[in-house]
């Protein structure tokens, strides 16, 4: 099977949804290539290179992509549209909301057309598959995964006796999500001088910590994808606060999986994905309100052995979600799509 992944970016989702699964598919014997654009014939929008069986379009939102998908379909190629968030419910506080809110959003309309045109749509969670199946019945949830062969994830965490670092990393789009835990973190820091709150990447989120003494908070500037695991390795406890809304209900457990890979126990809001990832008190905790956040944080700050044991359990769980374990699911879906396309072409040729 020959596969071409057209990734949207290489700062995050492009790795998890294209590079990691693509490399694993290569190790399974398939021929895989990656690019961030297709060169096409101007007359037909067909790619100059038509040697692949499957073309995976990640988050494309332009008319050129739609024309190319249609031309590929006429050429008998499999088109997969890959999408990792519920863009039809981007919350108002997300900086991208103006581009995706409203019935007349051009980006949403183009996404919908691409999903309808594709032979299949792949997403990150069952909840997202349920919602986007209205545009394409062939919508499949394929889980996120990490690649243990990526040396970036082999970083060693420093053992500390004198402090406990409670950490979060992400983009400014999670500003309102993080507000859920600010009060609990302030109370935690007042009670435990050894606690440090670390914020990675988003200065806007760090500014929410004005009620925490300077010596008890740390800002870790944004880094490239290669250095991102080393940033997370500063944490002893990893936070994933998420506001209860439709957008977050469809989100994957990727942040928790990243923490888990590094042996960091996870505290997360009880969204569907985190209910599946976290075994309460074993590899982390689900926190439904301020009392939960403060109580579970207090427990893990006071009990270093519990942090260690839960971190080991989290790492063991993450090992079952590495790309080698998940890749056969991607392979099975792709092989089935190629087989169906070839069968349809064969039946059409007989009718003619």
Protein backbone atom coordinates (compact mmCIF):
# COMPACT_ATOMS: atom_id res chain seq x y z
CA UNK A 1 0.00 0.00 0.00
CA UNK A 2 1.31 3.46 -0.95
CA UNK A 3 0.23 6.36 1.27
CA UNK A 4 0.81 10.10 1.07
CA UNK A 5 0.14 12.17 4.21
CA UNK A 6 -0.47 15.89 3.67
CA UNK A 7 0.14 17.26 7.15
CA UNK A 8 -1.16 20.60 8.41
CA UNK A 9 1.77 21.37 10.72
CA UNK A 10 4.67 19.71 12.50
CA UNK A 11 4.29 21.43 15.87
CA UNK A 12 1.88 18.86 17.25
CA UNK A 13 -1.05 17.37 15.39
CA UNK A 14 0.98 16.73 12.25
CA UNK A 15 3.25 14.40 14.22
CA UNK A 16 0.49 12.60 16.07
CA UNK A 17 -1.90 12.25 13.13
CA UNK A 18 0.53 11.84 10.22
CA UNK A 19 4.22 11.36 11.04
CA UNK A 20 3.95 8.84 13.89
CA UNK A 21 1.32 6.57 12.30
CA UNK A 22 2.99 6.95 8.89
CA UNK A 23 6.36 5.81 10.21
CA UNK A 24 4.72 2.84 11.91
CA UNK A 25 2.97 1.91 8.66
CA UNK A 26 6.37 2.02 6.96
CA UNK A 27 7.65 -0.48 9.51
CA UNK A 28 4.68 -2.69 8.62
CA UNK A 29 5.92 -2.76 5.03
CA UNK A 30 3.97 0.04 3.35
CA UNK A 31 5.44 2.84 1.29
CA UNK A 32 4.73 6.18 2.97
CA UNK A 33 5.57 9.76 2.07
CA UNK A 34 4.87 13.10 3.75
CA UNK A 35 4.37 16.62 2.44
CA UNK A 36 2.69 19.88 3.41
CA UNK A 37 1.35 20.57 -0.09
CA UNK A 38 0.60 18.94 -3.44
CA UNK A 39 1.88 20.22 -6.75
CA UNK A 40 -0.97 19.88 -9.23
CA UNK A 41 -1.72 20.25 -12.89
CA UNK A 42 -3.48 23.60 -13.24
CA UNK A 43 -6.04 22.21 -15.70
CA UNK A 44 -7.39 19.37 -13.60
CA UNK A 45 -5.98 19.84 -10.08
CA UNK A 46 -4.56 16.34 -10.31
CA UNK A 47 -1.29 15.87 -8.41
CA UNK A 48 1.82 15.62 -10.54
CA UNK A 49 2.55 12.43 -8.61
CA UNK A 50 -0.26 9.87 -8.91
CA UNK A 51 1.64 6.84 -7.65
CA UNK A 52 -0.05 6.60 -4.23
CA UNK A 53 -3.10 4.52 -3.36
CA UNK A 54 -4.22 6.74 -0.46
CA UNK A 55 -4.02 10.50 -0.02
CA UNK A 56 -4.57 11.72 3.57
CA UNK A 57 -5.56 15.40 3.85
CA UNK A 58 -5.11 16.77 7.36
CA UNK A 59 -7.34 19.75 8.20
CA UNK A 60 -7.34 21.21 4.66
CA UNK A 61 -9.78 24.10 4.29
CA UNK A 62 -9.39 25.52 0.76
CA UNK A 63 -11.02 25.24 -2.63
CA UNK A 64 -7.82 23.88 -4.21
CA UNK A 65 -7.88 20.88 -1.86
CA UNK A 66 -11.50 20.15 -2.75
CA UNK A 67 -10.75 20.27 -6.49
CA UNK A 68 -7.76 17.99 -5.95
CA UNK A 69 -9.83 15.50 -3.94
CA UNK A 70 -12.44 15.36 -6.67
CA UNK A 71 -9.82 14.80 -9.36
CA UNK A 72 -8.18 12.06 -7.29
CA UNK A 73 -11.55 10.38 -6.88
CA UNK A 74 -12.06 10.34 -10.64
CA UNK A 75 -8.58 8.82 -10.96
CA UNK A 76 -9.58 5.96 -8.65
CA UNK A 77 -7.55 7.05 -5.63
CA UNK A 78 -8.63 6.80 -1.98
CA UNK A 79 -9.10 10.17 -0.28
CA UNK A 80 -9.05 10.38 3.54
CA UNK A 81 -9.89 13.58 5.40
CA UNK A 82 -8.22 13.78 8.81
CA UNK A 83 -9.65 16.09 11.51
CA UNK A 84 -8.81 16.12 15.23
CA UNK A 85 -11.19 18.60 16.89
CA UNK A 86 -14.88 19.48 16.81
CA UNK A 87 -14.59 22.69 14.81
CA UNK A 88 -18.36 23.09 14.71
CA UNK A 89 -18.34 23.90 18.44
CA UNK A 90 -15.21 26.01 18.93
CA UNK A 91 -15.92 27.92 22.18
CA UNK A 92 -16.22 31.70 22.14
CA UNK A 93 -13.05 32.15 24.21
CA UNK A 94 -10.87 30.31 21.67
CA UNK A 95 -8.97 32.83 19.49
CA UNK A 96 -9.96 30.80 16.41
CA UNK A 97 -13.67 31.00 17.21
CA UNK A 98 -14.34 33.89 14.80
CA UNK A 99 -13.20 31.70 11.90
CA UNK A 100 -15.37 28.74 12.80
CA UNK A 101 -18.49 30.12 14.49
CA UNK A 102 -21.68 30.89 12.62
CA UNK A 103 -23.61 29.08 9.94
CA UNK A 104 -21.91 31.03 7.16
CA UNK A 105 -18.31 30.24 8.14
CA UNK A 106 -16.37 29.69 4.91
CA UNK A 107 -13.84 27.45 6.67
CA UNK A 108 -16.55 25.24 8.14
CA UNK A 109 -18.33 24.99 4.80
CA UNK A 110 -15.09 23.93 3.09
CA UNK A 111 -14.38 21.36 5.82
CA UNK A 112 -17.87 19.94 5.35
CA UNK A 113 -17.42 19.71 1.59
CA UNK A 114 -14.07 17.98 2.00
CA UNK A 115 -15.57 15.47 4.45
CA UNK A 116 -18.44 14.73 2.07
CA UNK A 117 -16.05 14.31 -0.86
CA UNK A 118 -13.64 12.01 0.98
CA UNK A 119 -13.89 8.23 0.86
CA UNK A 120 -13.48 8.28 4.63
CA UNK A 121 -12.95 10.65 7.54
CA UNK A 122 -10.61 9.82 10.42
CA UNK A 123 -10.87 11.50 13.82
CA UNK A 124 -9.41 11.15 17.31
CA UNK A 125 -12.35 10.04 19.49
CA UNK A 126 -15.64 8.12 19.26
CA UNK A 127 -17.46 11.30 20.31
CA UNK A 128 -15.98 13.21 17.39
CA UNK A 129 -16.76 10.34 15.00
CA UNK A 130 -20.39 10.39 16.09
CA UNK A 131 -20.71 14.09 15.33
CA UNK A 132 -18.89 14.11 12.00
CA UNK A 133 -20.55 10.98 10.66
CA UNK A 134 -23.41 13.24 9.54
CA UNK A 135 -21.10 14.47 6.78
CA UNK A 136 -19.61 11.07 5.93
CA UNK A 137 -20.92 7.71 7.13
CA UNK A 138 -17.40 6.30 6.75
CA UNK A 139 -16.02 8.17 9.76
CA UNK A 140 -13.59 6.25 11.95
CA UNK A 141 -11.99 7.06 15.34
CA UNK A 142 -8.27 6.30 15.22
CA UNK A 143 -6.58 7.00 18.57
CA UNK A 144 -3.63 9.29 19.11
CA UNK A 145 -0.36 7.63 19.98
CA UNK A 146 3.28 8.34 20.74
CA UNK A 147 6.30 6.84 19.00
CA UNK A 148 8.81 5.29 21.44
CA UNK A 149 11.41 5.41 18.68
CA UNK A 150 11.31 9.19 18.80
CA UNK A 151 14.33 10.00 20.96
CA UNK A 152 12.61 13.15 22.26
CA UNK A 153 10.36 11.00 24.47
CA UNK A 154 13.31 9.24 26.14
CA UNK A 155 14.06 12.26 28.30
CA UNK A 156 14.85 11.50 31.96
CA UNK A 157 12.96 13.34 34.68
CA UNK A 158 14.99 14.84 37.50
CA UNK A 159 14.35 13.42 40.98
CA UNK A 160 13.63 16.20 43.49
CA UNK A 161 13.23 16.03 47.25
CA UNK A 162 12.90 19.73 48.04
CA UNK A 163 9.96 20.73 45.82
CA UNK A 164 6.90 19.44 43.95
CA UNK A 165 6.21 20.91 40.53
CA UNK A 166 2.57 21.05 39.45
CA UNK A 167 2.60 21.70 35.72
CA UNK A 168 0.53 22.50 32.69
CA UNK A 169 1.60 23.21 29.10
CA UNK A 170 -0.40 24.33 26.11
CA UNK A 171 -1.57 27.23 23.98
CA UNK A 172 -3.55 30.39 24.88
CA UNK A 173 -6.67 28.68 23.51
CA UNK A 174 -6.94 26.99 26.94
CA UNK A 175 -7.04 30.19 28.98
CA UNK A 176 -10.59 29.63 30.23
CA UNK A 177 -9.93 25.95 30.83
CA UNK A 178 -7.03 26.79 33.14
CA UNK A 179 -9.14 29.25 35.15
CA UNK A 180 -10.82 26.16 36.63
CA UNK A 181 -7.76 25.41 38.74
CA UNK A 182 -6.34 28.86 39.61
CA UNK A 183 -8.09 29.14 42.98
CA UNK A 184 -7.07 25.63 44.00
CA UNK A 185 -3.46 26.29 43.02
CA UNK A 186 -3.40 29.51 45.04
CA UNK A 187 -4.64 27.69 48.14
CA UNK A 188 -2.20 24.84 47.56
CA UNK A 189 0.76 27.21 47.36
CA UNK A 190 -0.27 29.02 50.54
CA UNK A 191 -0.31 25.73 52.42
CA UNK A 192 2.78 24.12 50.89
CA UNK A 193 5.82 26.36 50.31
CA UNK A 194 7.60 23.51 48.50
CA UNK A 195 5.04 23.60 45.66
CA UNK A 196 5.98 25.23 42.37
CA UNK A 197 3.42 25.86 39.62
CA UNK A 198 4.96 25.62 36.15
CA UNK A 199 3.26 26.93 33.00
CA UNK A 200 4.66 25.95 29.65
CA UNK A 201 4.15 27.90 26.46
CA UNK A 202 1.31 30.34 27.13
CA UNK A 203 2.21 33.63 28.81
CA UNK A 204 -1.49 34.51 28.94
CA UNK A 205 -2.11 31.49 31.16
CA UNK A 206 0.90 32.26 33.34
CA UNK A 207 -0.55 35.73 33.99
CA UNK A 208 -3.53 34.05 35.70
CA UNK A 209 -1.17 33.13 38.56
CA UNK A 210 -0.93 36.63 40.00
CA UNK A 211 -2.17 35.35 43.37
CA UNK A 212 0.80 32.98 43.69
CA UNK A 213 4.14 34.25 45.05
CA UNK A 214 6.85 34.80 42.45
CA UNK A 215 9.13 32.22 44.03
CA UNK A 216 6.44 29.56 43.68
CA UNK A 217 5.73 29.88 39.97
CA UNK A 218 7.73 29.18 36.83
CA UNK A 219 7.19 30.17 33.21
CA UNK A 220 8.65 27.83 30.58
CA UNK A 221 8.74 29.51 27.14
CA UNK A 222 7.38 27.74 24.07
CA UNK A 223 9.71 25.25 22.42
CA UNK A 224 9.68 23.26 19.20
CA UNK A 225 8.15 19.80 19.04
CA UNK A 226 11.54 18.10 19.46
CA UNK A 227 12.11 19.84 22.82
CA UNK A 228 8.54 19.63 24.09
CA UNK A 229 8.95 16.36 26.07
CA UNK A 230 11.91 17.90 27.93
CA UNK A 231 9.67 20.82 28.92
CA UNK A 232 7.04 18.43 30.31
CA UNK A 233 9.74 16.52 32.19
CA UNK A 234 9.94 19.46 34.63
CA UNK A 235 6.57 18.40 36.11
CA UNK A 236 5.84 16.05 39.01
CA UNK A 237 2.06 16.31 38.54
CA UNK A 238 0.35 17.08 35.24
CA UNK A 239 -2.89 19.07 34.94
CA UNK A 240 -5.58 18.83 32.25
CA UNK A 241 -8.44 21.17 33.26
CA UNK A 242 -11.19 21.38 30.65
CA UNK A 243 -14.39 23.43 30.75
CA UNK A 244 -17.54 21.35 30.31
CA UNK A 245 -18.66 22.05 26.74
CA UNK A 246 -19.29 20.27 23.45
CA UNK A 247 -15.84 21.07 22.07
CA UNK A 248 -13.99 19.58 25.04
CA UNK A 249 -16.28 16.54 25.22
CA UNK A 250 -14.91 15.56 21.81
CA UNK A 251 -11.25 16.14 22.65
CA UNK A 252 -8.80 13.29 22.94
CA UNK A 253 -6.66 12.34 25.94
CA UNK A 254 -3.43 13.38 24.20
CA UNK A 255 -2.19 15.73 26.92
CA UNK A 256 -2.66 13.04 29.55
CA UNK A 257 -0.93 10.52 27.31
CA UNK A 258 2.06 12.85 27.00
CA UNK A 259 2.30 13.21 30.78
CA UNK A 260 1.86 9.48 31.25
CA UNK A 261 4.66 8.60 28.84
CA UNK A 262 7.04 10.53 31.10
CA UNK A 263 5.77 8.89 34.29
CA UNK A 264 3.78 11.91 35.49
CA UNK A 265 0.45 11.22 37.28
CA UNK A 266 -2.45 13.01 35.61
CA UNK A 267 -5.22 15.14 37.15
CA UNK A 268 -7.91 15.87 34.56
CA UNK A 269 -11.46 17.02 34.11
CA UNK A 270 -13.89 14.10 33.64
CA UNK A 271 -14.42 14.36 29.88
CA UNK A 272 -15.20 11.08 28.04
CA UNK A 273 -11.60 10.60 26.86
CA UNK A 274 -10.16 11.07 30.34
CA UNK A 275 -12.74 8.76 31.86
CA UNK A 276 -11.30 6.12 29.54
CA UNK A 277 -7.65 6.99 30.21
CA UNK A 278 -7.63 7.45 33.98
CA UNK A 279 -8.17 4.68 36.49
CA UNK A 280 -9.03 6.62 39.61
CA UNK A 281 -6.24 6.53 42.16
CA UNK A 282 -4.07 4.25 40.01
CA UNK A 283 -2.56 6.43 37.28
CA UNK A 284 -4.27 9.71 38.15
CA UNK A 285 -7.48 11.36 39.29
CA UNK A 286 -10.58 12.88 37.72
CA UNK A 287 -11.48 16.27 39.17
CA UNK A 288 -15.01 17.59 38.75
CA UNK A 289 -14.76 20.75 40.86
CA UNK A 290 -12.54 22.98 42.99
CA UNK A 291 -12.79 20.65 45.99
CA UNK A 292 -11.59 17.72 43.87
CA UNK A 293 -8.69 19.66 42.38
CA UNK A 294 -7.46 20.87 45.76
CA UNK A 295 -8.02 17.55 47.50
CA UNK A 296 -6.26 15.41 44.90
CA UNK A 297 -3.41 17.89 44.55
CA UNK A 298 -2.97 17.95 48.33
CA UNK A 299 -2.81 14.16 48.44
CA UNK A 300 -0.14 13.96 45.74
CA UNK A 301 1.92 16.81 47.19
CA UNK A 302 1.98 15.23 50.64
CA UNK A 303 2.64 11.65 49.51
CA UNK A 304 5.79 11.34 47.39
CA UNK A 305 5.50 7.56 47.26
CA UNK A 306 1.97 7.82 45.86
CA UNK A 307 3.26 10.17 43.16
CA UNK A 308 5.99 7.71 42.26
CA UNK A 309 3.72 4.66 42.14
CA UNK A 310 1.01 6.45 40.18
CA UNK A 311 3.63 7.80 37.77
CA UNK A 312 4.88 4.28 37.11
CA UNK A 313 1.31 3.09 36.51
CA UNK A 314 0.73 5.99 34.12
CA UNK A 315 3.88 5.11 32.17
CA UNK A 316 2.86 1.46 31.98
CA UNK A 317 -0.55 2.43 30.62
CA UNK A 318 1.03 4.75 28.06
CA UNK A 319 3.16 1.85 26.82
CA UNK A 320 -0.03 0.12 25.67
CA UNK A 321 -0.91 3.16 23.58
CA UNK A 322 2.32 3.47 21.63
CA UNK A 323 2.19 3.68 17.86
CA UNK A 324 3.18 0.05 17.29
CA UNK A 325 0.08 -1.09 19.20
CA UNK A 326 -2.20 1.38 17.41
CA UNK A 327 -0.80 1.19 13.87
CA UNK A 328 -2.68 -2.03 12.94
CA UNK A 329 -5.94 -0.10 13.39
CA UNK A 330 -4.79 2.55 10.92
CA UNK A 331 -3.54 -0.17 8.59
CA UNK A 332 -6.82 -2.09 8.72
CA UNK A 333 -8.91 0.97 7.88
CA UNK A 334 -6.62 1.99 5.02
CA UNK A 335 -6.44 -1.53 3.53
CA UNK A 336 -10.23 -1.82 3.66
CA UNK A 337 -10.65 1.51 1.87
CA UNK A 338 -8.25 0.48 -0.89
CA UNK A 339 -10.02 -2.87 -1.28
CA UNK A 340 -13.43 -1.19 -1.49
CA UNK A 341 -12.19 1.33 -4.05
CA UNK A 342 -10.73 -1.43 -6.23
CA UNK A 343 -13.90 -3.50 -5.96
CA UNK A 344 -16.04 -0.53 -6.96
CA UNK A 345 -13.76 0.19 -9.93
CA UNK A 346 -13.89 -3.45 -11.01
CA UNK A 347 -17.72 -3.53 -10.81
CA UNK A 348 -17.97 -0.29 -12.75
CA UNK A 349 -15.70 -1.64 -15.48
CA UNK A 350 -17.86 -4.76 -15.84
CA UNK A 351 -21.01 -2.68 -16.17
CA UNK A 352 -19.39 -0.68 -18.93
